[in-house]
PDB file of N, CA and C in Angstrom:
ATOM      1  N   MET A   1       0.848  -1.174   0.000  1.00  0.00           N
ATOM      2  CA  MET A   1       0.000   0.000   0.000  1.00  0.00           C
ATOM      3  C   MET A   1       0.893   1.237   0.000  1.00  0.00           C
ATOM      4  N   PRO A   2       0.689   2.160  -0.923  1.00  0.00           N
ATOM      5  CA  PRO A   2       1.536   3.351  -0.986  1.00  0.00           C
ATOM      6  C   PRO A   2       1.252   4.301   0.173  1.00  0.00           C
ATOM      7  N   THR A   3       2.270   5.066   0.521  1.00  0.00           N
ATOM      8  CA  THR A   3       2.131   6.072   1.564  1.00  0.00           C
ATOM      9  C   THR A   3       1.731   7.391   0.920  1.00  0.00           C
ATOM     10  N   THR A   4       0.762   8.067   1.504  1.00  0.00           N
ATOM     11  CA  THR A   4       0.299   9.349   0.997  1.00  0.00           C
ATOM     12  C   THR A   4       0.522  10.397   2.072  1.00  0.00           C
ATOM     13  N   ASP A   5       1.254  11.454   1.739  1.00  0.00           N
ATOM     14  CA  ASP A   5       1.502  12.545   2.676  1.00  0.00           C
ATOM     15  C   ASP A   5       0.420  13.593   2.480  1.00  0.00           C
ATOM     16  N   LEU A   6      -0.551  13.608   3.369  1.00  0.00           N
ATOM     17  CA  LEU A   6      -1.666  14.540   3.229  1.00  0.00           C
ATOM     18  C   LEU A   6      -1.358  15.919   3.794  1.00  0.00           C
ATOM     19  N   ARG A   7      -0.123  16.155   4.191  1.00  0.00           N
ATOM     20  CA  ARG A   7       0.274  17.510   4.582  1.00  0.00           C
ATOM     21  C   ARG A   7       0.832  18.263   3.380  1.00  0.00           C
ATOM     22  N   ASN A   8       1.064  17.560   2.300  1.00  0.00           N
ATOM     23  CA  ASN A   8       1.613  18.147   1.082  1.00  0.00           C
ATOM     24  C   ASN A   8       0.793  17.625  -0.095  1.00  0.00           C
ATOM     25  N   VAL A   9      -0.322  18.289  -0.368  1.00  0.00           N
ATOM     26  CA  VAL A   9      -1.304  17.824  -1.348  1.00  0.00           C
ATOM     27  C   VAL A   9      -1.053  18.485  -2.700  1.00  0.00           C
ATOM     28  N   ASP A  10      -1.060  17.674  -3.744  1.00  0.00           N
ATOM     29  CA  ASP A  10      -0.906  18.181  -5.107  1.00  0.00           C
ATOM     30  C   ASP A  10      -2.208  17.919  -5.859  1.00  0.00           C
ATOM     31  N   THR A  11      -2.859  18.987  -6.299  1.00  0.00           N
ATOM     32  CA  THR A  11      -4.127  18.851  -7.015  1.00  0.00           C
ATOM     33  C   THR A  11      -3.955  18.882  -8.535  1.00  0.00           C
ATOM     34  N   SER A  12      -2.727  18.763  -9.003  1.00  0.00           N
ATOM     35  CA  SER A  12      -2.483  18.756 -10.453  1.00  0.00           C
ATOM     36  C   SER A  12      -3.052  17.480 -11.062  1.00  0.00           C
ATOM     37  N   PRO A  13      -3.744  17.592 -12.191  1.00  0.00           N
ATOM     38  CA  PRO A  13      -4.262  16.391 -12.837  1.00  0.00           C
ATOM     39  C   PRO A  13      -3.162  15.359 -13.079  1.00  0.00           C
ATOM     40  N   GLY A  14      -3.462  14.139 -12.684  1.00  0.00           N
ATOM     41  CA  GLY A  14      -2.522  13.043 -12.870  1.00  0.00           C
ATOM     42  C   GLY A  14      -1.512  12.875 -11.748  1.00  0.00           C
ATOM     43  N   ALA A  15      -1.501  13.776 -10.767  1.00  0.00           N
ATOM     44  CA  ALA A  15      -0.557  13.656  -9.653  1.00  0.00           C
ATOM     45  C   ALA A  15      -0.915  12.427  -8.816  1.00  0.00           C
ATOM     46  N   ASP A  16       0.076  11.899  -8.135  1.00  0.00           N
ATOM     47  CA  ASP A  16      -0.117  10.716  -7.293  1.00  0.00           C
ATOM     48  C   ASP A  16      -0.645  11.157  -5.932  1.00  0.00           C
ATOM     49  N   CYS A  17      -1.906  11.545  -5.902  1.00  0.00           N
ATOM     50  CA  CYS A  17      -2.537  12.078  -4.702  1.00  0.00           C
ATOM     51  C   CYS A  17      -4.039  11.810  -4.810  1.00  0.00           C
ATOM     52  N   PRO A  18      -4.689  11.449  -3.704  1.00  0.00           N
ATOM     53  CA  PRO A  18      -6.124  11.176  -3.798  1.00  0.00           C
ATOM     54  C   PRO A  18      -6.959  12.398  -4.164  1.00  0.00           C
ATOM     55  N   PHE A  19      -6.415  13.607  -4.013  1.00  0.00           N
ATOM     56  CA  PHE A  19      -7.147  14.826  -4.332  1.00  0.00           C
ATOM     57  C   PHE A  19      -6.826  15.366  -5.713  1.00  0.00           C
ATOM     58  N   ALA A  20      -6.091  14.597  -6.498  1.00  0.00           N
ATOM     59  CA  ALA A  20      -5.738  14.998  -7.859  1.00  0.00           C
ATOM     60  C   ALA A  20      -6.686  14.333  -8.852  1.00  0.00           C
ATOM     61  N   PRO A  21      -7.300  15.123  -9.721  1.00  0.00           N
ATOM     62  CA  PRO A  21      -8.153  14.531 -10.752  1.00  0.00           C
ATOM     63  C   PRO A  21      -7.294  13.745 -11.753  1.00  0.00           C
ATOM     64  N   PRO A  22      -7.937  12.964 -12.586  1.00  0.00           N
ATOM     65  CA  PRO A  22      -7.169  12.163 -13.542  1.00  0.00           C
ATOM     66  C   PRO A  22      -6.434  13.024 -14.568  1.00  0.00           C
ATOM     67  N   LEU A  23      -5.384  12.469 -15.096  1.00  0.00           N
ATOM     68  CA  LEU A  23      -4.618  13.129 -16.148  1.00  0.00           C
ATOM     69  C   LEU A  23      -5.557  13.481 -17.300  1.00  0.00           C
ATOM     70  N   GLY A  24      -5.449  14.690 -17.796  1.00  0.00           N
ATOM     71  CA  GLY A  24      -6.310  15.147 -18.878  1.00  0.00           C
ATOM     72  C   GLY A  24      -7.509  15.944 -18.387  1.00  0.00           C
ATOM     73  N   PHE A  25      -7.729  15.987 -17.098  1.00  0.00           N
ATOM     74  CA  PHE A  25      -8.831  16.776 -16.542  1.00  0.00           C
ATOM     75  C   PHE A  25      -8.552  18.243 -16.814  1.00  0.00           C
ATOM     76  N   GLU A  26      -9.517  18.942 -17.424  1.00  0.00           N
ATOM     77  CA  GLU A  26      -9.310  20.342 -17.806  1.00  0.00           C
ATOM     78  C   GLU A  26     -10.378  21.264 -17.264  1.00  0.00           C
ATOM     79  N   GLY A  27     -11.159  20.804 -16.297  1.00  0.00           N
ATOM     80  CA  GLY A  27     -12.234  21.620 -15.753  1.00  0.00           C
ATOM     81  C   GLY A  27     -11.720  22.755 -14.888  1.00  0.00           C
ATOM     82  N   GLY A  28     -12.593  23.685 -14.614  1.00  0.00           N
ATOM     83  CA  GLY A  28     -12.283  24.791 -13.726  1.00  0.00           C
ATOM     84  C   GLY A  28     -12.566  24.404 -12.279  1.00  0.00           C
ATOM     85  N   PRO A  29     -12.532  25.387 -11.377  1.00  0.00           N
ATOM     86  CA  PRO A  29     -12.774  25.106  -9.955  1.00  0.00           C
ATOM     87  C   PRO A  29     -14.124  24.458  -9.676  1.00  0.00           C
ATOM     88  N   ASP A  30     -15.174  24.864 -10.369  1.00  0.00           N
ATOM     89  CA  ASP A  30     -16.493  24.275 -10.140  1.00  0.00           C
ATOM     90  C   ASP A  30     -16.532  22.810 -10.580  1.00  0.00           C
ATOM     91  N   GLU A  31     -15.909  22.520 -11.696  1.00  0.00           N
ATOM     92  CA  GLU A  31     -15.853  21.127 -12.165  1.00  0.00           C
ATOM     93  C   GLU A  31     -14.997  20.276 -11.229  1.00  0.00           C
ATOM     94  N   TYR A  32     -13.921  20.868 -10.715  1.00  0.00           N
ATOM     95  CA  TYR A  32     -13.099  20.148  -9.734  1.00  0.00           C
ATOM     96  C   TYR A  32     -13.928  19.854  -8.482  1.00  0.00           C
ATOM     97  N   GLY A  33     -14.701  20.822  -8.024  1.00  0.00           N
ATOM     98  CA  GLY A  33     -15.556  20.619  -6.858  1.00  0.00           C
ATOM     99  C   GLY A  33     -16.544  19.488  -7.090  1.00  0.00           C
ATOM    100  N   ALA A  34     -17.130  19.431  -8.281  1.00  0.00           N
ATOM    101  CA  ALA A  34     -18.062  18.349  -8.623  1.00  0.00           C
ATOM    102  C   ALA A  34     -17.332  17.012  -8.665  1.00  0.00           C
ATOM    103  N   TRP A  35     -16.123  17.007  -9.233  1.00  0.00           N
ATOM    104  CA  TRP A  35     -15.324  15.779  -9.278  1.00  0.00           C
ATOM    105  C   TRP A  35     -15.009  15.315  -7.857  1.00  0.00           C
ATOM    106  N   LEU A  36     -14.601  16.237  -6.999  1.00  0.00           N
ATOM    107  CA  LEU A  36     -14.246  15.904  -5.626  1.00  0.00           C
ATOM    108  C   LEU A  36     -15.461  15.342  -4.880  1.00  0.00           C
ATOM    109  N   TYR A  37     -16.609  15.964  -5.055  1.00  0.00           N
ATOM    110  CA  TYR A  37     -17.833  15.478  -4.420  1.00  0.00           C
ATOM    111  C   TYR A  37     -18.171  14.069  -4.907  1.00  0.00           C
ATOM    112  N   ASN A  38     -18.034  13.845  -6.198  1.00  0.00           N
ATOM    113  CA  ASN A  38     -18.284  12.516  -6.753  1.00  0.00           C
ATOM    114  C   ASN A  38     -17.325  11.484  -6.161  1.00  0.00           C
ATOM    115  N   GLN A  39     -16.069  11.863  -5.998  1.00  0.00           N
ATOM    116  CA  GLN A  39     -15.102  10.956  -5.386  1.00  0.00           C
ATOM    117  C   GLN A  39     -15.509  10.626  -3.950  1.00  0.00           C
ATOM    118  N   PHE A  40     -15.956  11.645  -3.229  1.00  0.00           N
ATOM    119  CA  PHE A  40     -16.403  11.459  -1.853  1.00  0.00           C
ATOM    120  C   PHE A  40     -17.577  10.479  -1.781  1.00  0.00           C
ATOM    121  N   ARG A  41     -18.492  10.583  -2.735  1.00  0.00           N
ATOM    122  CA  ARG A  41     -19.691   9.735  -2.731  1.00  0.00           C
ATOM    123  C   ARG A  41     -19.438   8.318  -3.240  1.00  0.00           C
ATOM    124  N   THR A  42     -18.438   8.136  -4.102  1.00  0.00           N
ATOM    125  CA  THR A  42     -18.283   6.833  -4.748  1.00  0.00           C
ATOM    126  C   THR A  42     -17.049   6.034  -4.327  1.00  0.00           C
ATOM    127  N   ARG A  43     -16.026   6.697  -3.842  1.00  0.00           N
ATOM    128  CA  ARG A  43     -14.808   5.979  -3.423  1.00  0.00           C
ATOM    129  C   ARG A  43     -14.863   5.714  -1.930  1.00  0.00           C
ATOM    130  N   VAL A  44     -14.696   4.473  -1.564  1.00  0.00           N
ATOM    131  CA  VAL A  44     -14.808   4.091  -0.161  1.00  0.00           C
ATOM    132  C   VAL A  44     -13.717   4.727   0.705  1.00  0.00           C
ATOM    133  N   ASP A  45     -12.566   5.035   0.123  1.00  0.00           N
ATOM    134  CA  ASP A  45     -11.463   5.597   0.906  1.00  0.00           C
ATOM    135  C   ASP A  45     -11.446   7.127   0.955  1.00  0.00           C
ATOM    136  N   MET A  46     -12.192   7.788   0.098  1.00  0.00           N
ATOM    137  CA  MET A  46     -12.119   9.246   0.038  1.00  0.00           C
ATOM    138  C   MET A  46     -12.616   9.942   1.311  1.00  0.00           C
ATOM    139  N   PRO A  47     -13.712   9.519   1.939  1.00  0.00           N
ATOM    140  CA  PRO A  47     -14.084  10.169   3.196  1.00  0.00           C
ATOM    141  C   PRO A  47     -12.985  10.073   4.254  1.00  0.00           C
ATOM    142  N   GLN A  48     -12.276   8.971   4.256  1.00  0.00           N
ATOM    143  CA  GLN A  48     -11.171   8.803   5.199  1.00  0.00           C
ATOM    144  C   GLN A  48     -10.040   9.786   4.889  1.00  0.00           C
ATOM    145  N   TYR A  49      -9.674   9.915   3.627  1.00  0.00           N
ATOM    146  CA  TYR A  49      -8.643  10.883   3.241  1.00  0.00           C
ATOM    147  C   TYR A  49      -9.068  12.302   3.622  1.00  0.00           C
ATOM    148  N   MET A  50     -10.337  12.610   3.382  1.00  0.00           N
ATOM    149  CA  MET A  50     -10.815  13.958   3.699  1.00  0.00           C
ATOM    150  C   MET A  50     -10.792  14.213   5.203  1.00  0.00           C
ATOM    151  N   TYR A  51     -11.144  13.213   5.980  1.00  0.00           N
ATOM    152  CA  TYR A  51     -11.129  13.387   7.430  1.00  0.00           C
ATOM    153  C   TYR A  51      -9.702  13.608   7.930  1.00  0.00           C
ATOM    154  N   VAL A  52      -8.767  12.828   7.441  1.00  0.00           N
ATOM    155  CA  VAL A  52      -7.368  12.990   7.871  1.00  0.00           C
ATOM    156  C   VAL A  52      -6.839  14.362   7.451  1.00  0.00           C
ATOM    157  N   LEU A  53      -7.131  14.779   6.225  1.00  0.00           N
ATOM    158  CA  LEU A  53      -6.702  16.106   5.781  1.00  0.00           C
ATOM    159  C   LEU A  53      -7.329  17.179   6.663  1.00  0.00           C
ATOM    160  N   TRP A  54      -8.611  17.051   6.976  1.00  0.00           N
ATOM    161  CA  TRP A  54      -9.284  18.008   7.851  1.00  0.00           C
ATOM    162  C   TRP A  54      -8.611  18.065   9.226  1.00  0.00           C
ATOM    163  N   ARG A  55      -8.253  16.917   9.774  1.00  0.00           N
ATOM    164  CA  ARG A  55      -7.581  16.892  11.081  1.00  0.00           C
ATOM    165  C   ARG A  55      -6.236  17.606  11.007  1.00  0.00           C
ATOM    166  N   PHE A  56      -5.478  17.368   9.950  1.00  0.00           N
ATOM    167  CA  PHE A  56      -4.189  18.063   9.802  1.00  0.00           C
ATOM    168  C   PHE A  56      -4.398  19.571   9.729  1.00  0.00           C
ATOM    169  N   ILE A  57      -5.424  20.000   9.011  1.00  0.00           N
ATOM    170  CA  ILE A  57      -5.712  21.435   8.908  1.00  0.00           C
ATOM    171  C   ILE A  57      -6.121  21.975  10.276  1.00  0.00           C
ATOM    172  N   ALA A  58      -6.975  21.241  10.986  1.00  0.00           N
ATOM    173  CA  ALA A  58      -7.457  21.677  12.298  1.00  0.00           C
ATOM    174  C   ALA A  58      -6.333  21.740  13.326  1.00  0.00           C
ATOM    175  N   LEU A  59      -5.333  20.895  13.175  1.00  0.00           N
ATOM    176  CA  LEU A  59      -4.220  20.845  14.128  1.00  0.00           C
ATOM    177  C   LEU A  59      -3.038  21.697  13.695  1.00  0.00           C
ATOM    178  N   GLU A  60      -3.231  22.513  12.663  1.00  0.00           N
ATOM    179  CA  GLU A  60      -2.126  23.339  12.162  1.00  0.00           C
ATOM    180  C   GLU A  60      -1.504  24.123  13.307  1.00  0.00           C
ATOM    181  N   GLY A  61      -0.211  24.105  13.340  1.00  0.00           N
ATOM    182  CA  GLY A  61       0.519  24.735  14.425  1.00  0.00           C
ATOM    183  C   GLY A  61       1.087  23.686  15.367  1.00  0.00           C
ATOM    184  N   THR A  62       0.447  22.511  15.399  1.00  0.00           N
ATOM    185  CA  THR A  62       0.970  21.431  16.232  1.00  0.00           C
ATOM    186  C   THR A  62       1.616  20.339  15.386  1.00  0.00           C
ATOM    187  N   VAL A  63       1.322  20.326  14.124  1.00  0.00           N
ATOM    188  CA  VAL A  63       1.967  19.414  13.174  1.00  0.00           C
ATOM    189  C   VAL A  63       2.440  20.258  11.992  1.00  0.00           C
ATOM    190  N   GLN A  64       3.124  19.633  11.082  1.00  0.00           N
ATOM    191  CA  GLN A  64       3.588  20.355   9.892  1.00  0.00           C
ATOM    192  C   GLN A  64       2.395  20.957   9.166  1.00  0.00           C
ATOM    193  N   PRO A  65       2.481  22.222   8.748  1.00  0.00           N
ATOM    194  CA  PRO A  65       1.351  22.855   8.052  1.00  0.00           C
ATOM    195  C   PRO A  65       0.982  22.110   6.768  1.00  0.00           C
ATOM    196  N   VAL A  66      -0.278  22.201   6.416  1.00  0.00           N
ATOM    197  CA  VAL A  66      -0.792  21.595   5.188  1.00  0.00           C
ATOM    198  C   VAL A  66      -0.568  22.563   4.040  1.00  0.00           C
ATOM    199  N   THR A  67      -0.059  22.051   2.938  1.00  0.00           N
ATOM    200  CA  THR A  67       0.043  22.848   1.723  1.00  0.00           C
ATOM    201  C   THR A  67      -0.757  22.144   0.631  1.00  0.00           C
ATOM    202  N   ALA A  68      -1.554  22.913  -0.062  1.00  0.00           N
ATOM    203  CA  ALA A  68      -2.337  22.388  -1.183  1.00  0.00           C
ATOM    204  C   ALA A  68      -1.895  23.158  -2.413  1.00  0.00           C
ATOM    205  N   ARG A  69      -1.126  22.502  -3.257  1.00  0.00           N
ATOM    206  CA  ARG A  69      -0.621  23.176  -4.446  1.00  0.00           C
ATOM    207  C   ARG A  69      -1.293  22.610  -5.688  1.00  0.00           C
ATOM    208  N   GLY A  70      -1.045  23.241  -6.777  1.00  0.00           N
ATOM    209  CA  GLY A  70      -1.660  22.820  -8.026  1.00  0.00           C
ATOM    210  C   GLY A  70      -2.819  23.736  -8.369  1.00  0.00           C
ATOM    211  N   PRO A  71      -3.438  23.506  -9.503  1.00  0.00           N
ATOM    212  CA  PRO A  71      -4.474  24.424  -9.979  1.00  0.00           C
ATOM    213  C   PRO A  71      -5.747  24.433  -9.143  1.00  0.00           C
ATOM    214  N   TYR A  72      -5.944  23.425  -8.306  1.00  0.00           N
ATOM    215  CA  TYR A  72      -7.180  23.340  -7.530  1.00  0.00           C
ATOM    216  C   TYR A  72      -6.928  23.398  -6.023  1.00  0.00           C
ATOM    217  N   GLY A  73      -5.763  23.844  -5.627  1.00  0.00           N
ATOM    218  CA  GLY A  73      -5.419  23.925  -4.212  1.00  0.00           C
ATOM    219  C   GLY A  73      -6.387  24.785  -3.420  1.00  0.00           C
ATOM    220  N   ASP A  74      -6.706  25.971  -3.937  1.00  0.00           N
ATOM    221  CA  ASP A  74      -7.640  26.856  -3.236  1.00  0.00           C
ATOM    222  C   ASP A  74      -9.032  26.239  -3.165  1.00  0.00           C
ATOM    223  N   ARG A  75      -9.456  25.616  -4.236  1.00  0.00           N
ATOM    224  CA  ARG A  75     -10.789  24.977  -4.262  1.00  0.00           C
ATOM    225  C   ARG A  75     -10.852  23.819  -3.279  1.00  0.00           C
ATOM    226  N   LEU A  76      -9.782  23.057  -3.163  1.00  0.00           N
ATOM    227  CA  LEU A  76      -9.739  21.962  -2.191  1.00  0.00           C
ATOM    228  C   LEU A  76      -9.862  22.507  -0.773  1.00  0.00           C
ATOM    229  N   MET A  77      -9.153  23.586  -0.475  1.00  0.00           N
ATOM    230  CA  MET A  77      -9.215  24.143   0.871  1.00  0.00           C
ATOM    231  C   MET A  77     -10.613  24.684   1.176  1.00  0.00           C
ATOM    232  N   SER A  78     -11.291  25.258   0.202  1.00  0.00           N
ATOM    233  CA  SER A  78     -12.664  25.717   0.457  1.00  0.00           C
ATOM    234  C   SER A  78     -13.593  24.512   0.649  1.00  0.00           C
ATOM    235  N   ALA A  79     -13.344  23.433  -0.067  1.00  0.00           N
ATOM    236  CA  ALA A  79     -14.130  22.211   0.126  1.00  0.00           C
ATOM    237  C   ALA A  79     -13.890  21.642   1.521  1.00  0.00           C
ATOM    238  N   MET A  80     -12.668  21.761   2.015  1.00  0.00           N
ATOM    239  CA  MET A  80     -12.370  21.264   3.356  1.00  0.00           C
ATOM    240  C   MET A  80     -13.054  22.122   4.419  1.00  0.00           C
ATOM    241  N   ALA A  81     -13.204  23.398   4.184  1.00  0.00           N
ATOM    242  CA  ALA A  81     -13.944  24.259   5.115  1.00  0.00           C
ATOM    243  C   ALA A  81     -15.410  23.827   5.160  1.00  0.00           C
ATOM    244  N   ARG A  82     -15.964  23.505   4.012  1.00  0.00           N
ATOM    245  CA  ARG A  82     -17.346  23.008   3.959  1.00  0.00           C
ATOM    246  C   ARG A  82     -17.448  21.649   4.645  1.00  0.00           C
ATOM    247  N   PHE A  83     -16.453  20.788   4.449  1.00  0.00           N
ATOM    248  CA  PHE A  83     -16.412  19.475   5.090  1.00  0.00           C
ATOM    249  C   PHE A  83     -16.430  19.650   6.618  1.00  0.00           C
ATOM    250  N   GLU A  84     -15.697  20.636   7.107  1.00  0.00           N
ATOM    251  CA  GLU A  84     -15.678  20.907   8.544  1.00  0.00           C
ATOM    252  C   GLU A  84     -17.075  21.303   9.038  1.00  0.00           C
ATOM    253  N   GLN A  85     -17.768  22.128   8.286  1.00  0.00           N
ATOM    254  CA  GLN A  85     -19.128  22.523   8.667  1.00  0.00           C
ATOM    255  C   GLN A  85     -20.040  21.306   8.740  1.00  0.00           C
ATOM    256  N   ILE A  86     -19.901  20.410   7.786  1.00  0.00           N
ATOM    257  CA  ILE A  86     -20.724  19.197   7.767  1.00  0.00           C
ATOM    258  C   ILE A  86     -20.408  18.324   8.976  1.00  0.00           C
ATOM    259  N   LEU A  87     -19.122  18.158   9.267  1.00  0.00           N
ATOM    260  CA  LEU A  87     -18.736  17.349  10.426  1.00  0.00           C
ATOM    261  C   LEU A  87     -19.293  17.928  11.720  1.00  0.00           C
ATOM    262  N   LYS A  88     -19.179  19.223  11.875  1.00  0.00           N
ATOM    263  CA  LYS A  88     -19.637  19.857  13.111  1.00  0.00           C
ATOM    264  C   LYS A  88     -21.156  19.844  13.228  1.00  0.00           C
ATOM    265  N   SER A  89     -21.861  19.949  12.126  1.00  0.00           N
ATOM    266  CA  SER A  89     -23.325  19.969  12.191  1.00  0.00           C
ATOM    267  C   SER A  89     -23.898  18.573  12.394  1.00  0.00           C
ATOM    268  N   SER A  90     -23.152  17.544  12.050  1.00  0.00           N
ATOM    269  CA  SER A  90     -23.675  16.184  12.187  1.00  0.00           C
ATOM    270  C   SER A  90     -23.053  15.449  13.362  1.00  0.00           C
ATOM    271  N   ALA A  91     -22.290  16.144  14.194  1.00  0.00           N
ATOM    272  CA  ALA A  91     -21.666  15.505  15.344  1.00  0.00           C
ATOM    273  C   ALA A  91     -22.739  15.071  16.330  1.00  0.00           C
ATOM    274  N   PRO A  92     -22.698  13.818  16.761  1.00  0.00           N
ATOM    275  CA  PRO A  92     -23.706  13.344  17.706  1.00  0.00           C
ATOM    276  C   PRO A  92     -23.528  13.982  19.084  1.00  0.00           C
ATOM    277  N   ALA A  93     -24.597  14.200  19.751  1.00  0.00           N
ATOM    278  CA  ALA A  93     -24.534  14.730  21.118  1.00  0.00           C
ATOM    279  C   ALA A  93     -24.019  13.625  22.031  1.00  0.00           C
ATOM    280  N   THR A  94     -23.250  14.008  22.989  1.00  0.00           N
ATOM    281  CA  THR A  94     -22.714  13.034  23.932  1.00  0.00           C
ATOM    282  C   THR A  94     -23.796  12.614  24.925  1.00  0.00           C
ATOM    283  N   CYS A  95     -23.731  11.410  25.384  1.00  0.00           N
ATOM    284  CA  CYS A  95     -24.726  10.926  26.331  1.00  0.00           C
ATOM    285  C   CYS A  95     -24.525  11.548  27.709  1.00  0.00           C
ATOM    286  N   TYR A  96     -23.411  12.263  27.906  1.00  0.00           N
ATOM    287  CA  TYR A  96     -23.129  12.894  29.185  1.00  0.00           C
ATOM    288  C   TYR A  96     -23.577  14.345  29.238  1.00  0.00           C
ATOM    289  N   SER A  97     -24.099  14.858  28.134  1.00  0.00           N
ATOM    290  CA  SER A  97     -24.522  16.267  28.142  1.00  0.00           C
ATOM    291  C   SER A  97     -25.789  16.427  28.964  1.00  0.00           C
ATOM    292  N   SER A  98     -25.937  17.593  29.554  1.00  0.00           N
ATOM    293  CA  SER A  98     -27.118  17.811  30.378  1.00  0.00           C
ATOM    294  C   SER A  98     -28.072  18.785  29.744  1.00  0.00           C
TER     295      SER A  98
END
């Protein structure tokens, strides 16, 4: 199983990264967002990659900072901000809350 460094993400088409679209992908940021959402819905490992990337972003300052380079780096980071909102809104209440 290959090792993936999710602190150094490359969004260039064809890059060896789970957040990189396939080689030949020529869409803009909106098409990349749709591709990323489709990956999240259809690939069994993508939610896990997104969660780990989100944790690295959330822990910035305590671990090596996350860099997202390539043509869709900014779009990926905005998608991760949305992912954080989804995680926080769907977090189950603890049984110890009063």
